[in-house]
């Protein structure tokens, strides 16, 4: 199997508890196949018309800017910006749930 792509375009912050990624896609641009190994929170910074390809096939979805969504561990997928406008989000991986860590 080939190496998976990073979760986003850039890591903005990282410590033992969280890692914050910037996802920034021009219209038509793809974030290739990547694996989410920990739970994560997405904050959509812009509206978007997205394509998600995973083991169950491909689907399209619309998201609203300044909205949030929670995702459990284990997602393997690719993300494509199907719109013409730039799509951006902040993705916060929850690396540790230990209190006081």
N, C-alpha and C. Protein backbone atom coordinates (compact mmCIF):
# COMPACT_ATOMS: atom_id res chain seq x y z
N UNK A 1 0.84 -1.18 0.00
CA UNK A 1 0.00 0.00 0.00
C UNK A 1 0.88 1.25 0.00
N UNK A 2 0.50 2.26 -0.76
CA UNK A 2 1.28 3.49 -0.80
C UNK A 2 1.07 4.30 0.47
N UNK A 3 1.98 5.23 0.70
CA UNK A 3 1.92 6.07 1.89
C UNK A 3 0.73 7.02 1.81
N UNK A 4 0.06 7.21 2.93
CA UNK A 4 -1.11 8.09 2.98
C UNK A 4 -0.67 9.55 3.04
N UNK A 5 -1.54 10.41 2.61
CA UNK A 5 -1.31 11.86 2.62
C UNK A 5 -1.51 12.39 4.04
N UNK A 6 -0.87 13.50 4.41
CA UNK A 6 -1.16 14.12 5.71
C UNK A 6 -2.62 14.54 5.81
N UNK A 7 -3.10 14.74 7.02
CA UNK A 7 -4.49 15.08 7.32
C UNK A 7 -4.88 16.44 6.73
N UNK A 8 -3.94 17.36 6.65
CA UNK A 8 -4.24 18.71 6.15
C UNK A 8 -3.04 19.31 5.46
N UNK A 9 -3.13 20.61 5.18
CA UNK A 9 -2.05 21.31 4.48
C UNK A 9 -0.91 21.72 5.40
N UNK A 10 -1.24 22.06 6.65
CA UNK A 10 -0.21 22.53 7.58
C UNK A 10 -0.66 22.30 9.01
N UNK A 11 0.29 21.99 9.89
CA UNK A 11 0.03 21.90 11.33
C UNK A 11 0.23 23.30 11.90
N UNK A 12 -0.82 23.82 12.56
CA UNK A 12 -0.77 25.16 13.14
C UNK A 12 -0.37 25.15 14.60
N UNK A 13 -0.69 24.05 15.29
CA UNK A 13 -0.39 23.92 16.73
C UNK A 13 -0.36 22.44 17.06
N UNK A 14 0.52 22.08 18.02
CA UNK A 14 0.59 20.68 18.43
C UNK A 14 1.16 20.59 19.84
N UNK A 15 0.50 19.76 20.66
CA UNK A 15 1.04 19.38 21.96
C UNK A 15 0.60 17.94 22.23
N UNK A 16 0.74 17.46 23.45
CA UNK A 16 0.39 16.08 23.75
C UNK A 16 -1.11 15.82 23.69
N UNK A 17 -1.94 16.85 23.85
CA UNK A 17 -3.38 16.67 23.89
C UNK A 17 -4.06 16.86 22.53
N UNK A 18 -3.61 17.83 21.75
CA UNK A 18 -4.27 18.15 20.48
C UNK A 18 -3.25 18.44 19.38
N UNK A 19 -3.72 18.31 18.16
CA UNK A 19 -2.97 18.77 16.98
C UNK A 19 -3.97 19.51 16.11
N UNK A 20 -3.63 20.75 15.69
CA UNK A 20 -4.53 21.57 14.89
C UNK A 20 -3.96 21.69 13.48
N UNK A 21 -4.78 21.28 12.50
CA UNK A 21 -4.41 21.34 11.08
C UNK A 21 -5.20 22.44 10.38
N UNK A 22 -4.58 23.05 9.40
CA UNK A 22 -5.30 23.90 8.44
C UNK A 22 -5.55 23.07 7.20
N UNK A 23 -6.79 23.02 6.75
CA UNK A 23 -7.14 22.40 5.47
C UNK A 23 -7.57 23.55 4.56
N UNK A 24 -6.91 23.68 3.42
CA UNK A 24 -7.12 24.81 2.52
C UNK A 24 -7.09 24.28 1.09
N UNK A 25 -8.27 24.26 0.43
CA UNK A 25 -8.37 23.68 -0.91
C UNK A 25 -8.98 24.68 -1.89
N UNK A 26 -8.28 24.93 -2.99
CA UNK A 26 -8.83 25.72 -4.09
C UNK A 26 -9.97 24.93 -4.74
N UNK A 27 -10.78 25.60 -5.53
CA UNK A 27 -11.84 24.93 -6.27
C UNK A 27 -11.26 23.79 -7.11
N UNK A 28 -11.84 22.60 -6.98
CA UNK A 28 -11.38 21.43 -7.72
C UNK A 28 -10.20 20.70 -7.11
N UNK A 29 -9.59 21.25 -6.08
CA UNK A 29 -8.40 20.64 -5.46
C UNK A 29 -8.81 19.49 -4.53
N UNK A 30 -7.93 18.47 -4.44
CA UNK A 30 -8.18 17.29 -3.62
C UNK A 30 -7.16 17.18 -2.50
N UNK A 31 -7.64 16.75 -1.35
CA UNK A 31 -6.78 16.29 -0.26
C UNK A 31 -6.79 14.77 -0.39
N UNK A 32 -5.69 14.18 -0.89
CA UNK A 32 -5.70 12.74 -1.20
C UNK A 32 -5.98 11.85 0.02
N UNK A 33 -6.08 10.57 -0.25
CA UNK A 33 -6.41 9.58 0.76
C UNK A 33 -5.57 9.77 2.02
N UNK A 34 -6.27 9.89 3.16
CA UNK A 34 -5.61 10.09 4.46
C UNK A 34 -6.42 9.36 5.53
N UNK A 35 -5.77 9.05 6.63
CA UNK A 35 -6.37 8.26 7.72
C UNK A 35 -6.48 9.11 8.99
N UNK A 36 -7.67 9.10 9.57
CA UNK A 36 -7.87 9.75 10.87
C UNK A 36 -7.77 8.67 11.94
N UNK A 37 -6.70 8.71 12.72
CA UNK A 37 -6.44 7.67 13.72
C UNK A 37 -6.93 8.04 15.11
N UNK A 38 -7.36 9.27 15.29
CA UNK A 38 -7.91 9.73 16.57
C UNK A 38 -9.18 10.53 16.29
N UNK A 39 -10.05 10.69 17.29
CA UNK A 39 -11.24 11.53 17.10
C UNK A 39 -10.83 12.97 16.77
N UNK A 40 -11.72 13.69 16.05
CA UNK A 40 -11.37 15.06 15.69
C UNK A 40 -12.61 15.93 15.52
N UNK A 41 -12.39 17.23 15.67
CA UNK A 41 -13.42 18.24 15.51
C UNK A 41 -13.04 19.09 14.30
N UNK A 42 -14.02 19.35 13.43
CA UNK A 42 -13.79 20.21 12.27
C UNK A 42 -14.57 21.50 12.46
N UNK A 43 -13.90 22.64 12.25
CA UNK A 43 -14.57 23.94 12.21
C UNK A 43 -14.46 24.42 10.77
N UNK A 44 -15.59 24.39 10.04
CA UNK A 44 -15.62 24.86 8.66
C UNK A 44 -15.50 26.37 8.68
N UNK A 45 -14.44 26.90 8.10
CA UNK A 45 -14.24 28.35 8.07
C UNK A 45 -15.02 29.00 6.93
N UNK A 46 -15.28 28.24 5.87
CA UNK A 46 -16.00 28.74 4.71
C UNK A 46 -17.10 27.75 4.35
N UNK A 47 -18.05 28.21 3.56
CA UNK A 47 -19.02 27.30 2.96
C UNK A 47 -18.26 26.39 2.00
N UNK A 48 -18.80 25.21 1.75
CA UNK A 48 -18.14 24.33 0.81
C UNK A 48 -19.07 23.31 0.20
N UNK A 49 -18.77 22.93 -1.03
CA UNK A 49 -19.44 21.82 -1.71
C UNK A 49 -18.36 20.77 -1.89
N UNK A 50 -18.42 19.70 -1.10
CA UNK A 50 -17.33 18.75 -0.96
C UNK A 50 -17.69 17.38 -1.49
N UNK A 51 -16.68 16.69 -1.97
CA UNK A 51 -16.79 15.30 -2.33
C UNK A 51 -15.95 14.48 -1.36
N UNK A 52 -16.53 13.42 -0.83
CA UNK A 52 -15.84 12.53 0.10
C UNK A 52 -15.82 11.14 -0.52
N UNK A 53 -14.63 10.57 -0.66
CA UNK A 53 -14.48 9.22 -1.20
C UNK A 53 -13.89 8.34 -0.12
N UNK A 54 -14.59 7.23 0.20
CA UNK A 54 -14.10 6.29 1.22
C UNK A 54 -14.45 4.87 0.79
N UNK A 55 -14.32 3.92 1.69
CA UNK A 55 -14.56 2.52 1.37
C UNK A 55 -16.01 2.26 0.95
N UNK A 56 -16.93 3.13 1.36
CA UNK A 56 -18.34 2.97 1.02
C UNK A 56 -18.71 3.63 -0.31
N UNK A 57 -17.74 4.26 -0.98
CA UNK A 57 -18.00 4.93 -2.25
C UNK A 57 -17.76 6.41 -2.15
N UNK A 58 -18.39 7.17 -3.04
CA UNK A 58 -18.23 8.62 -3.07
C UNK A 58 -19.58 9.28 -2.81
N UNK A 59 -19.53 10.43 -2.15
CA UNK A 59 -20.76 11.20 -1.91
C UNK A 59 -20.40 12.68 -1.91
N UNK A 60 -21.40 13.49 -2.18
CA UNK A 60 -21.24 14.94 -2.14
C UNK A 60 -21.96 15.47 -0.92
N UNK A 61 -21.42 16.55 -0.37
CA UNK A 61 -22.08 17.19 0.77
C UNK A 61 -21.76 18.67 0.79
N UNK A 62 -22.71 19.43 1.30
CA UNK A 62 -22.53 20.87 1.47
C UNK A 62 -22.31 21.16 2.94
N UNK A 63 -21.40 22.07 3.23
CA UNK A 63 -21.13 22.49 4.61
C UNK A 63 -21.24 24.01 4.68
N UNK A 64 -21.59 24.50 5.85
CA UNK A 64 -21.72 25.93 6.08
C UNK A 64 -20.52 26.45 6.84
N UNK A 65 -20.02 27.61 6.43
CA UNK A 65 -18.94 28.26 7.15
C UNK A 65 -19.33 28.57 8.57
N UNK A 66 -18.35 28.54 9.46
CA UNK A 66 -18.53 28.80 10.89
C UNK A 66 -19.41 27.76 11.56
N UNK A 67 -19.42 26.54 11.03
CA UNK A 67 -20.12 25.43 11.67
C UNK A 67 -19.10 24.39 12.12
N UNK A 68 -19.53 23.53 13.04
CA UNK A 68 -18.65 22.52 13.63
C UNK A 68 -19.23 21.13 13.41
N UNK A 69 -18.36 20.13 13.35
CA UNK A 69 -18.82 18.74 13.36
C UNK A 69 -17.78 17.84 14.00
N UNK A 70 -18.27 16.84 14.71
CA UNK A 70 -17.45 15.87 15.43
C UNK A 70 -17.32 14.60 14.61
N UNK A 71 -16.14 14.01 14.59
CA UNK A 71 -15.90 12.75 13.87
C UNK A 71 -15.18 11.76 14.78
N UNK A 72 -15.62 10.51 14.79
CA UNK A 72 -14.93 9.49 15.58
C UNK A 72 -13.65 9.03 14.90
N UNK A 73 -12.93 8.19 15.57
CA UNK A 73 -11.67 7.66 15.07
C UNK A 73 -11.89 6.73 13.87
N UNK A 74 -10.86 6.56 13.05
CA UNK A 74 -10.84 5.50 12.07
C UNK A 74 -11.27 5.83 10.66
N UNK A 75 -11.50 7.06 10.33
CA UNK A 75 -11.94 7.40 8.99
C UNK A 75 -10.77 7.44 8.01
N UNK A 76 -10.91 6.72 6.93
CA UNK A 76 -9.94 6.71 5.82
C UNK A 76 -10.69 7.24 4.61
N UNK A 77 -10.28 8.42 4.10
CA UNK A 77 -11.00 9.00 2.97
C UNK A 77 -10.15 10.03 2.25
N UNK A 78 -10.65 10.46 1.10
CA UNK A 78 -10.11 11.59 0.36
C UNK A 78 -11.19 12.67 0.33
N UNK A 79 -10.77 13.93 0.26
CA UNK A 79 -11.69 15.06 0.27
C UNK A 79 -11.41 15.93 -0.94
N UNK A 80 -12.45 16.29 -1.68
CA UNK A 80 -12.29 17.15 -2.86
C UNK A 80 -13.21 18.35 -2.73
N UNK A 81 -12.68 19.53 -3.03
CA UNK A 81 -13.49 20.74 -3.09
C UNK A 81 -14.15 20.76 -4.46
N UNK A 82 -15.44 20.44 -4.51
CA UNK A 82 -16.19 20.39 -5.77
C UNK A 82 -16.68 21.77 -6.22
N UNK A 83 -16.54 22.75 -5.34
CA UNK A 83 -16.97 24.10 -5.68
C UNK A 83 -15.89 24.87 -6.41
N UNK A 84 -16.21 26.11 -6.78
CA UNK A 84 -15.25 26.97 -7.44
C UNK A 84 -14.50 27.85 -6.46
N UNK A 85 -15.13 28.16 -5.33
CA UNK A 85 -14.50 29.03 -4.32
C UNK A 85 -13.58 28.21 -3.42
N UNK A 86 -12.60 28.86 -2.81
CA UNK A 86 -11.69 28.22 -1.87
C UNK A 86 -12.49 27.70 -0.67
N UNK A 87 -12.13 26.50 -0.20
CA UNK A 87 -12.72 25.92 1.01
C UNK A 87 -11.63 25.81 2.06
N UNK A 88 -11.95 26.21 3.29
CA UNK A 88 -10.98 26.13 4.40
C UNK A 88 -11.67 25.58 5.64
N UNK A 89 -10.90 24.80 6.42
CA UNK A 89 -11.36 24.40 7.74
C UNK A 89 -10.18 24.29 8.69
N UNK A 90 -10.48 24.30 9.96
CA UNK A 90 -9.52 23.95 11.01
C UNK A 90 -9.94 22.58 11.52
N UNK A 91 -8.99 21.67 11.59
CA UNK A 91 -9.26 20.32 12.05
C UNK A 91 -8.45 20.09 13.32
N UNK A 92 -9.14 19.78 14.41
CA UNK A 92 -8.49 19.60 15.71
C UNK A 92 -8.54 18.13 16.09
N UNK A 93 -7.38 17.48 16.05
CA UNK A 93 -7.28 16.07 16.46
C UNK A 93 -7.15 16.01 17.98
N UNK A 94 -7.93 15.12 18.60
CA UNK A 94 -7.87 14.90 20.05
C UNK A 94 -6.90 13.76 20.30
N UNK A 95 -5.68 14.09 20.69
CA UNK A 95 -4.62 13.10 20.82
C UNK A 95 -4.61 12.41 22.18
N UNK A 96 -5.10 13.10 23.22
CA UNK A 96 -5.10 12.53 24.56
C UNK A 96 -6.34 13.01 25.30
N UNK A 97 -6.97 12.11 26.02
CA UNK A 97 -8.13 12.47 26.83
C UNK A 97 -7.84 12.36 28.32
N UNK A 98 -6.56 12.20 28.66
CA UNK A 98 -6.20 12.08 30.08
C UNK A 98 -6.27 13.44 30.75
N UNK A 99 -6.96 13.50 31.86
CA UNK A 99 -7.07 14.74 32.63
C UNK A 99 -5.70 15.14 33.15
N UNK A 100 -5.41 16.42 33.03
CA UNK A 100 -4.17 16.95 33.57
C UNK A 100 -2.94 16.63 32.74
N UNK A 101 -3.11 16.05 31.58
CA UNK A 101 -1.95 15.74 30.72
C UNK A 101 -1.48 16.95 29.99
